Amino acid sequence: MSAPDWLTARPIAHRGLHDKAAGRIENSREAARAAIANGFAIECDVRLSRDGEAFVFHDDDLDRLTGASGPFHARDAAELAQLRLTGAQGEARLPRLADFLSLVAGRTPLIIEIKSAFDGDMRLCERAAHALAGYDGPVALKSFDPAVMAHLRQRRAALGLAAVPLGMVAQATYEQAEWAHLAPQRRLALAHFLHWRETQPEFLSWCVDDLPHAVPNLLRTALNAPVMAWTVRTPAQWARMRAFADQAVFEGAPA
């Protein structure tokens, strides 16, 4: 499918329009409401509980964003749903994906990043697709993990995702500490986009500090796939995004 115009029609608030000083924590209901009120699209992250429920949450661990500690995936859904986001005002509990979808309710585009441990576990893909069944609004799915996108593409019809754009999140290099758990050959394959045959993304979410680069340029110019740039915060990054991408996944205020 071709990427729809709504995918990059408006700036995309990274994890919602969050502002810790105002009590709007990333990936919270209040951050989503603020993005909608200000006319922005929303990017959010989803993770899986131990018992298979999808929640809107970014980190591997609970420590930074909640009063709890330890791995997110080690807790059951009932327990996670009672945790509060540290410093949050309003509805401070961790939102399930189904509840987050009900809140957004099609009022703005929603781009969902499926978090992955690169371990071949596709339960979160299936659960996210199940939550999207019957959702009436513009929504897209993306991931850093090519296996996730390949799985969704292969199961697209069965999962009811025919109208849902599928995209890759990527960057120029994977030599940072957070990628050390991946084998060197796998990091090299990610950096050189060698998964293209399996993933064939309809859009790309690319690190703004790695622009310009051959991969996003080729996808934009040769394949007409829109490119989002993440995470745009400074005037210089806004300028780079406007020169080499189609829309920003941003924090703060658009420049």
C-alpha atoms as a PDB file:
ATOM      1  CA  MET A   1       0.000   0.000   0.000  1.00  0.00           C
ATOM      2  CA  SER A   2       1.014   3.624  -0.412  1.00  0.00           C
ATOM      3  CA  ALA A   3       1.436   5.710   2.717  1.00  0.00           C
ATOM      4  CA  PRO A   4      -1.594   7.962   3.271  1.00  0.00           C
ATOM      5  CA  ASP A   5      -1.225  11.742   3.372  1.00  0.00           C
ATOM      6  CA  TRP A   6      -2.355  11.949   7.002  1.00  0.00           C
ATOM      7  CA  LEU A   7       0.792  10.125   8.112  1.00  0.00           C
ATOM      8  CA  THR A   8       2.945  13.255   7.791  1.00  0.00           C
ATOM      9  CA  ALA A   9       0.315  15.981   7.517  1.00  0.00           C
ATOM     10  CA  ARG A  10       1.011  17.437  10.970  1.00  0.00           C
ATOM     11  CA  PRO A  11       3.898  17.426  13.474  1.00  0.00           C
ATOM     12  CA  ILE A  12       3.983  14.288  15.628  1.00  0.00           C
ATOM     13  CA  ALA A  13       4.290  14.725  19.388  1.00  0.00           C
ATOM     14  CA  HIS A  14       6.888  12.258  20.689  1.00  0.00           C
ATOM     15  CA  ARG A  15       5.185  10.119  23.361  1.00  0.00           C
ATOM     16  CA  GLY A  16       2.413  12.705  23.332  1.00  0.00           C
ATOM     17  CA  LEU A  17       2.802  16.406  24.104  1.00  0.00           C
ATOM     18  CA  HIS A  18       4.507  15.777  27.419  1.00  0.00           C
ATOM     19  CA  ASP A  19       5.840  18.366  29.849  1.00  0.00           C
ATOM     20  CA  LYS A  20       7.155  17.025  33.134  1.00  0.00           C
ATOM     21  CA  ALA A  21       7.033  20.448  34.781  1.00  0.00           C
ATOM     22  CA  ALA A  22       3.319  20.638  34.023  1.00  0.00           C
ATOM     23  CA  GLY A  23       2.674  17.097  35.229  1.00  0.00           C
ATOM     24  CA  ARG A  24       2.173  15.679  31.723  1.00  0.00           C
ATOM     25  CA  ILE A  25       4.379  12.603  31.645  1.00  0.00           C
ATOM     26  CA  GLU A  26       5.413  10.882  28.429  1.00  0.00           C
ATOM     27  CA  ASN A  27       2.981   8.296  27.055  1.00  0.00           C
ATOM     28  CA  SER A  28       0.308   9.399  29.517  1.00  0.00           C
ATOM     29  CA  ARG A  29      -3.332  10.136  28.907  1.00  0.00           C
ATOM     30  CA  GLU A  30      -2.738  13.818  29.704  1.00  0.00           C
ATOM     31  CA  ALA A  31       0.093  14.016  27.145  1.00  0.00           C
ATOM     32  CA  ALA A  32      -2.259  12.550  24.556  1.00  0.00           C
ATOM     33  CA  ARG A  33      -5.008  15.029  25.419  1.00  0.00           C
ATOM     34  CA  ALA A  34      -2.570  17.929  25.113  1.00  0.00           C
ATOM     35  CA  ALA A  35      -1.407  16.760  21.688  1.00  0.00           C
ATOM     36  CA  ILE A  36      -4.997  16.496  20.472  1.00  0.00           C
ATOM     37  CA  ALA A  37      -5.888  19.923  21.864  1.00  0.00           C
ATOM     38  CA  ASN A  38      -2.934  21.492  20.048  1.00  0.00           C
ATOM     39  CA  GLY A  39      -3.568  19.803  16.716  1.00  0.00           C
ATOM     40  CA  PHE A  40      -0.624  17.398  16.730  1.00  0.00           C
ATOM     41  CA  ALA A  41      -0.409  13.733  15.824  1.00  0.00           C
ATOM     42  CA  ILE A  42       0.760  11.348  18.552  1.00  0.00           C
ATOM     43  CA  GLU A  43       3.612   8.865  18.628  1.00  0.00           C
ATOM     44  CA  CYS A  44       3.478   6.331  21.471  1.00  0.00           C
ATOM     45  CA  ASP A  45       5.213   3.119  22.529  1.00  0.00           C
ATOM     46  CA  VAL A  46       3.699  -0.207  23.533  1.00  0.00           C
ATOM     47  CA  ARG A  47       5.045  -2.993  25.734  1.00  0.00           C
ATOM     48  CA  LEU A  48       3.680  -6.346  26.838  1.00  0.00           C
ATOM     49  CA  SER A  49       2.860  -7.387  30.393  1.00  0.00           C
ATOM     50  CA  ARG A  50       3.846 -10.803  31.689  1.00  0.00           C
ATOM     51  CA  ASP A  51       0.346 -12.108  31.032  1.00  0.00           C
ATOM     52  CA  GLY A  52       0.055 -10.689  27.519  1.00  0.00           C
ATOM     53  CA  GLU A  53      -1.604  -7.268  27.792  1.00  0.00           C
ATOM     54  CA  ALA A  54      -0.398  -4.286  25.735  1.00  0.00           C
ATOM     55  CA  PHE A  55       0.379  -1.085  27.642  1.00  0.00           C
ATOM     56  CA  VAL A  56       1.502   2.345  26.462  1.00  0.00           C
ATOM     57  CA  PHE A  57       4.964   2.626  28.004  1.00  0.00           C
ATOM     58  CA  HIS A  58       8.479   3.204  26.697  1.00  0.00           C
ATOM     59  CA  ASP A  59      11.182   1.856  29.015  1.00  0.00           C
ATOM     60  CA  ASP A  60      12.353  -1.718  29.537  1.00  0.00           C
ATOM     61  CA  ASP A  61      12.278  -1.064  33.282  1.00  0.00           C
ATOM     62  CA  LEU A  62       9.789   0.656  35.565  1.00  0.00           C
ATOM     63  CA  ASP A  63      12.319   2.655  37.594  1.00  0.00           C
ATOM     64  CA  ARG A  64      12.511   5.958  35.671  1.00  0.00           C
ATOM     65  CA  LEU A  65       8.807   6.531  35.147  1.00  0.00           C
ATOM     66  CA  THR A  66       7.077   4.918  38.122  1.00  0.00           C
ATOM     67  CA  GLY A  67       7.589   4.339  41.838  1.00  0.00           C
ATOM     68  CA  ALA A  68       8.229   0.656  41.125  1.00  0.00           C
ATOM     69  CA  SER A  69      11.391  -1.038  39.918  1.00  0.00           C
ATOM     70  CA  GLY A  70      12.464  -3.940  37.765  1.00  0.00           C
ATOM     71  CA  PRO A  71      11.550  -5.132  34.263  1.00  0.00           C
ATOM     72  CA  PHE A  72       8.199  -4.096  32.825  1.00  0.00           C
ATOM     73  CA  HIS A  73       7.622  -7.562  31.363  1.00  0.00           C
ATOM     74  CA  ALA A  74       7.923  -9.191  34.804  1.00  0.00           C
ATOM     75  CA  ARG A  75       4.602  -7.683  36.000  1.00  0.00           C
ATOM     76  CA  ASP A  76       1.050  -8.818  35.243  1.00  0.00           C
ATOM     77  CA  ALA A  77      -1.471  -6.428  33.698  1.00  0.00           C
ATOM     78  CA  ALA A  78      -3.528  -5.984  36.869  1.00  0.00           C
ATOM     79  CA  GLU A  79      -0.428  -4.891  38.767  1.00  0.00           C
ATOM     80  CA  LEU A  80       0.839  -2.577  36.017  1.00  0.00           C
ATOM     81  CA  ALA A  81      -2.561  -0.898  35.704  1.00  0.00           C
ATOM     82  CA  GLN A  82      -2.313   0.225  39.338  1.00  0.00           C
ATOM     83  CA  LEU A  83       1.097   1.872  38.971  1.00  0.00           C
ATOM     84  CA  ARG A  84       1.261   5.650  38.796  1.00  0.00           C
ATOM     85  CA  LEU A  85       3.522   7.657  36.530  1.00  0.00           C
ATOM     86  CA  THR A  86       5.892   9.640  38.728  1.00  0.00           C
ATOM     87  CA  GLY A  87       5.044  13.340  38.790  1.00  0.00           C
ATOM     88  CA  ALA A  88       1.867  12.958  36.723  1.00  0.00           C
ATOM     89  CA  GLN A  89      -1.216  15.095  37.167  1.00  0.00           C
ATOM     90  CA  GLY A  90      -4.711  13.952  36.220  1.00  0.00           C
ATOM     91  CA  GLU A  91      -5.043  10.294  35.194  1.00  0.00           C
ATOM     92  CA  ALA A  92      -1.637   9.103  36.339  1.00  0.00           C
ATOM     93  CA  ARG A  93      -1.953   5.337  35.995  1.00  0.00           C
ATOM     94  CA  LEU A  94      -0.277   3.402  33.186  1.00  0.00           C
ATOM     95  CA  PRO A  95      -2.678   3.204  30.242  1.00  0.00           C
ATOM     96  CA  ARG A  96      -3.502  -0.029  28.526  1.00  0.00           C
ATOM     97  CA  LEU A  97      -3.354   0.296  24.740  1.00  0.00           C
ATOM     98  CA  ALA A  98      -7.098  -0.353  24.471  1.00  0.00           C
ATOM     99  CA  ASP A  99      -7.822   2.524  26.866  1.00  0.00           C
ATOM    100  CA  PHE A 100      -5.390   4.811  25.041  1.00  0.00           C
ATOM    101  CA  LEU A 101      -7.150   4.064  21.749  1.00  0.00           C
ATOM    102  CA  SER A 102     -10.508   4.860  23.332  1.00  0.00           C
ATOM    103  CA  LEU A 103      -9.130   8.181  24.547  1.00  0.00           C
ATOM    104  CA  VAL A 104      -7.683   9.212  21.166  1.00  0.00           C
ATOM    105  CA  ALA A 105     -10.789   7.911  19.379  1.00  0.00           C
ATOM    106  CA  GLY A 106      -9.603   8.883  15.903  1.00  0.00           C
ATOM    107  CA  ARG A 107      -9.277  12.585  16.726  1.00  0.00           C
ATOM    108  CA  THR A 108      -5.664  12.705  15.523  1.00  0.00           C
ATOM    109  CA  PRO A 109      -3.262  10.344  13.756  1.00  0.00           C
ATOM    110  CA  LEU A 110      -1.614   7.817  16.056  1.00  0.00           C
ATOM    111  CA  ILE A 111       1.749   6.205  15.277  1.00  0.00           C
ATOM    112  CA  ILE A 112       2.423   3.231  17.553  1.00  0.00           C
ATOM    113  CA  GLU A 113       5.947   1.903  18.078  1.00  0.00           C
ATOM    114  CA  ILE A 114       6.059  -1.761  19.011  1.00  0.00           C
ATOM    115  CA  LYS A 115       8.953  -2.270  21.421  1.00  0.00           C
ATOM    116  CA  SER A 116      10.946  -5.466  20.994  1.00  0.00           C
ATOM    117  CA  ALA A 117      13.700  -7.440  22.693  1.00  0.00           C
ATOM    118  CA  PHE A 118      14.734  -8.819  19.272  1.00  0.00           C
ATOM    119  CA  ASP A 119      13.999 -12.297  20.602  1.00  0.00           C
ATOM    120  CA  GLY A 120      11.410 -13.486  18.096  1.00  0.00           C
ATOM    121  CA  ASP A 121       8.468 -13.057  20.491  1.00  0.00           C
ATOM    122  CA  MET A 122       5.549 -11.800  18.392  1.00  0.00           C
ATOM    123  CA  ARG A 123       2.865 -11.779  21.088  1.00  0.00           C
ATOM    124  CA  LEU A 124       2.887  -7.976  21.297  1.00  0.00           C
ATOM    125  CA  CYS A 125       2.332  -7.708  17.528  1.00  0.00           C
ATOM    126  CA  GLU A 126      -0.701  -9.927  17.797  1.00  0.00           C
ATOM    127  CA  ARG A 127      -2.036  -8.152  20.880  1.00  0.00           C
ATOM    128  CA  ALA A 128      -1.632  -4.698  19.356  1.00  0.00           C
ATOM    129  CA  ALA A 129      -3.444  -5.823  16.217  1.00  0.00           C
ATOM    130  CA  HIS A 130      -6.229  -7.269  18.357  1.00  0.00           C
ATOM    131  CA  ALA A 131      -6.587  -3.938  20.190  1.00  0.00           C
ATOM    132  CA  LEU A 132      -6.800  -2.119  16.846  1.00  0.00           C
ATOM    133  CA  ALA A 133      -9.656  -4.285  15.586  1.00  0.00           C
ATOM    134  CA  GLY A 134     -12.540  -1.955  14.930  1.00  0.00           C
ATOM    135  CA  TYR A 135     -10.545   1.193  15.728  1.00  0.00           C
ATOM    136  CA  ASP A 136     -12.014   4.030  13.690  1.00  0.00           C
ATOM    137  CA  GLY A 137      -9.168   6.457  13.107  1.00  0.00           C
ATOM    138  CA  PRO A 138      -5.831   6.992  11.381  1.00  0.00           C
ATOM    139  CA  VAL A 139      -3.237   4.694  12.928  1.00  0.00           C
ATOM    140  CA  ALA A 140       0.145   3.272  11.888  1.00  0.00           C
ATOM    141  CA  LEU A 141       2.542   0.704  13.353  1.00  0.00           C
ATOM    142  CA  LYS A 142       6.349   0.811  13.405  1.00  0.00           C
ATOM    143  CA  SER A 143       9.286  -0.879  15.109  1.00  0.00           C
ATOM    144  CA  PHE A 144      13.079  -0.993  15.257  1.00  0.00           C
ATOM    145  CA  ASP A 145      12.862  -4.780  14.885  1.00  0.00           C
ATOM    146  CA  PRO A 146      12.658  -6.018  11.276  1.00  0.00           C
ATOM    147  CA  ALA A 147      11.201  -9.328  12.470  1.00  0.00           C
ATOM    148  CA  VAL A 148       8.239  -7.458  13.944  1.00  0.00           C
ATOM    149  CA  MET A 149       7.507  -5.683  10.680  1.00  0.00           C
ATOM    150  CA  ALA A 150       8.022  -8.850   8.641  1.00  0.00           C
ATOM    151  CA  HIS A 151       5.585 -10.688  10.919  1.00  0.00           C
ATOM    152  CA  LEU A 152       2.953  -7.966  10.631  1.00  0.00           C
ATOM    153  CA  ARG A 153       3.360  -7.865   6.861  1.00  0.00           C
ATOM    154  CA  GLN A 154       2.996 -11.640   6.543  1.00  0.00           C
ATOM    155  CA  ARG A 155      -0.036 -11.687   8.848  1.00  0.00           C
ATOM    156  CA  ARG A 156      -1.520  -8.421   7.609  1.00  0.00           C
ATOM    157  CA  ALA A 157      -4.744  -9.812   6.179  1.00  0.00           C
ATOM    158  CA  ALA A 158      -5.356 -12.223   9.055  1.00  0.00           C
ATOM    159  CA  LEU A 159      -4.773  -9.446  11.623  1.00  0.00           C
ATOM    160  CA  GLY A 160      -7.057  -6.968   9.856  1.00  0.00           C
ATOM    161  CA  LEU A 161      -4.233  -4.505   9.142  1.00  0.00           C
ATOM    162  CA  ALA A 162      -4.855  -3.966   5.433  1.00  0.00           C
ATOM    163  CA  ALA A 163      -5.400  -0.231   5.932  1.00  0.00           C
ATOM    164  CA  VAL A 164      -2.695   0.254   8.601  1.00  0.00           C
ATOM    165  CA  PRO A 165       0.653   1.605   7.314  1.00  0.00           C
ATOM    166  CA  LEU A 166       3.694  -0.368   8.499  1.00  0.00           C
ATOM    167  CA  GLY A 167       7.035   1.350   9.009  1.00  0.00           C
ATOM    168  CA  MET A 168      10.573   0.930  10.282  1.00  0.00           C
ATOM    169  CA  VAL A 169      12.340   2.992  12.938  1.00  0.00           C
ATOM    170  CA  ALA A 170      16.026   3.194  12.085  1.00  0.00           C
ATOM    171  CA  GLN A 171      19.299   5.064  12.357  1.00  0.00           C
ATOM    172  CA  ALA A 172      22.715   5.175  10.700  1.00  0.00           C
ATOM    173  CA  THR A 173      24.645   3.123  13.259  1.00  0.00           C
ATOM    174  CA  TYR A 174      23.924   0.617  16.023  1.00  0.00           C
ATOM    175  CA  GLU A 175      27.225   0.778  17.871  1.00  0.00           C
ATOM    176  CA  GLN A 176      25.754   2.550  20.925  1.00  0.00           C
ATOM    177  CA  ALA A 177      25.626   0.720  24.256  1.00  0.00           C
ATOM    178  CA  GLU A 178      21.889   0.096  24.049  1.00  0.00           C
ATOM    179  CA  TRP A 179      22.454  -2.184  21.034  1.00  0.00           C
ATOM    180  CA  ALA A 180      25.326  -4.169  22.554  1.00  0.00           C
ATOM    181  CA  HIS A 181      23.062  -7.181  23.132  1.00  0.00           C
ATOM    182  CA  LEU A 182      22.796  -7.699  19.371  1.00  0.00           C
ATOM    183  CA  ALA A 183      25.481  -9.609  17.485  1.00  0.00           C
ATOM    184  CA  PRO A 184      27.801  -7.441  15.342  1.00  0.00           C
ATOM    185  CA  GLN A 185      26.475  -8.981  12.136  1.00  0.00           C
ATOM    186  CA  ARG A 186      22.919  -8.142  13.133  1.00  0.00           C
ATOM    187  CA  ARG A 187      23.852  -4.546  13.963  1.00  0.00           C
ATOM    188  CA  LEU A 188      25.524  -4.251  10.591  1.00  0.00           C
ATOM    189  CA  ALA A 189      22.413  -5.564   8.835  1.00  0.00           C
ATOM    190  CA  LEU A 190      20.270  -2.983  10.612  1.00  0.00           C
ATOM    191  CA  ALA A 191      22.632  -0.130   9.744  1.00  0.00           C
ATOM    192  CA  HIS A 192      22.645  -1.098   6.064  1.00  0.00           C
ATOM    193  CA  PHE A 193      18.890  -1.792   5.909  1.00  0.00           C
ATOM    194  CA  LEU A 194      19.522  -5.330   4.683  1.00  0.00           C
ATOM    195  CA  HIS A 195      16.068  -6.390   5.859  1.00  0.00           C
ATOM    196  CA  TRP A 196      14.384  -4.508   2.999  1.00  0.00           C
ATOM    197  CA  ARG A 197      13.129  -7.614   1.198  1.00  0.00           C
ATOM    198  CA  GLU A 198      11.344  -8.828   4.355  1.00  0.00           C
ATOM    199  CA  THR A 199      10.052  -5.518   5.727  1.00  0.00           C
ATOM    200  CA  GLN A 200       9.336  -3.274   2.692  1.00  0.00           C
ATOM    201  CA  PRO A 201       8.197  -0.417   4.958  1.00  0.00           C
ATOM    202  CA  GLU A 202       5.633   2.071   3.735  1.00  0.00           C
ATOM    203  CA  PHE A 203       7.255   4.796   5.816  1.00  0.00           C
ATOM    204  CA  LEU A 204      10.484   5.381   7.698  1.00  0.00           C
ATOM    205  CA  SER A 205      11.143   6.956  11.092  1.00  0.00           C
ATOM    206  CA  TRP A 206      14.816   8.026  11.022  1.00  0.00           C
ATOM    207  CA  CYS A 207      17.151   9.631  13.560  1.00  0.00           C
ATOM    208  CA  VAL A 208      17.276  13.358  12.825  1.00  0.00           C
ATOM    209  CA  ASP A 209      20.953  13.612  13.750  1.00  0.00           C
ATOM    210  CA  ASP A 210      21.743  11.005  11.059  1.00  0.00           C
ATOM    211  CA  LEU A 211      20.345  13.174   8.257  1.00  0.00           C
ATOM    212  CA  PRO A 212      21.169  13.400   5.415  1.00  0.00           C
ATOM    213  CA  HIS A 213      21.679   9.721   4.681  1.00  0.00           C
ATOM    214  CA  ALA A 214      21.327   7.396   1.698  1.00  0.00           C
ATOM    215  CA  VAL A 215      18.638   5.152   3.226  1.00  0.00           C
ATOM    216  CA  PRO A 216      15.974   7.813   3.900  1.00  0.00           C
ATOM    217  CA  ASN A 217      16.902   9.610   0.687  1.00  0.00           C
ATOM    218  CA  LEU A 218      16.326   6.480  -1.384  1.00  0.00           C
ATOM    219  CA  LEU A 219      13.047   5.669   0.336  1.00  0.00           C
ATOM    220  CA  ARG A 220      11.765   9.221  -0.191  1.00  0.00           C
ATOM    221  CA  THR A 221      12.904   9.788  -3.763  1.00  0.00           C
ATOM    222  CA  ALA A 222      12.870   6.340  -5.344  1.00  0.00           C
ATOM    223  CA  LEU A 223      10.025   4.647  -3.483  1.00  0.00           C
ATOM    224  CA  ASN A 224       7.899   7.646  -2.443  1.00  0.00           C
ATOM    225  CA  ALA A 225       7.919   6.484   1.184  1.00  0.00           C
ATOM    226  CA  PRO A 226       7.567   9.393   3.640  1.00  0.00           C
ATOM    227  CA  VAL A 227      10.283   9.931   6.225  1.00  0.00           C
ATOM    228  CA  MET A 228       9.677  11.103   9.797  1.00  0.00           C
ATOM    229  CA  ALA A 229      12.672  12.442  11.711  1.00  0.00           C
ATOM    230  CA  TRP A 230      13.083  11.718  15.431  1.00  0.00           C
ATOM    231  CA  THR A 231      13.505  13.217  17.963  1.00  0.00           C
ATOM    232  CA  VAL A 232      13.411  16.871  16.906  1.00  0.00           C
ATOM    233  CA  ARG A 233      14.004  19.331  19.736  1.00  0.00           C
ATOM    234  CA  THR A 234      16.250  22.191  18.609  1.00  0.00           C
ATOM    235  CA  PRO A 235      15.983  24.810  15.825  1.00  0.00           C
ATOM    236  CA  ALA A 236      18.945  23.175  14.062  1.00  0.00           C
ATOM    237  CA  GLN A 237      17.179  19.788  14.119  1.00  0.00           C
ATOM    238  CA  TRP A 238      13.988  21.365  12.792  1.00  0.00           C
ATOM    239  CA  ALA A 239      15.978  22.869   9.920  1.00  0.00           C
ATOM    240  CA  ARG A 240      17.630  19.501   9.162  1.00  0.00           C
ATOM    241  CA  MET A 241      14.273  17.748   9.224  1.00  0.00           C
ATOM    242  CA  ARG A 242      12.742  20.261   6.813  1.00  0.00           C
ATOM    243  CA  ALA A 243      15.634  19.803   4.400  1.00  0.00           C
ATOM    244  CA  PHE A 244      15.783  16.011   4.398  1.00  0.00           C
ATOM    245  CA  ALA A 245      12.516  14.558   5.772  1.00  0.00           C
ATOM    246  CA  ASP A 246       8.759  14.993   5.547  1.00  0.00           C
ATOM    247  CA  GLN A 247       7.705  15.494   9.163  1.00  0.00           C
ATOM    248  CA  ALA A 248       9.047  15.717  12.690  1.00  0.00           C
ATOM    249  CA  VAL A 249       8.542  13.486  15.693  1.00  0.00           C
ATOM    250  CA  PHE A 250       9.190  16.311  18.151  1.00  0.00           C
ATOM    251  CA  GLU A 251       9.465  17.326  21.789  1.00  0.00           C
ATOM    252  CA  GLY A 252       8.915  20.815  23.148  1.00  0.00           C
ATOM    253  CA  ALA A 253       7.407  23.330  20.735  1.00  0.00           C
ATOM    254  CA  PRO A 254       7.726  23.286  16.935  1.00  0.00           C
ATOM    255  CA  ALA A 255      10.264  25.808  15.648  1.00  0.00           C
END
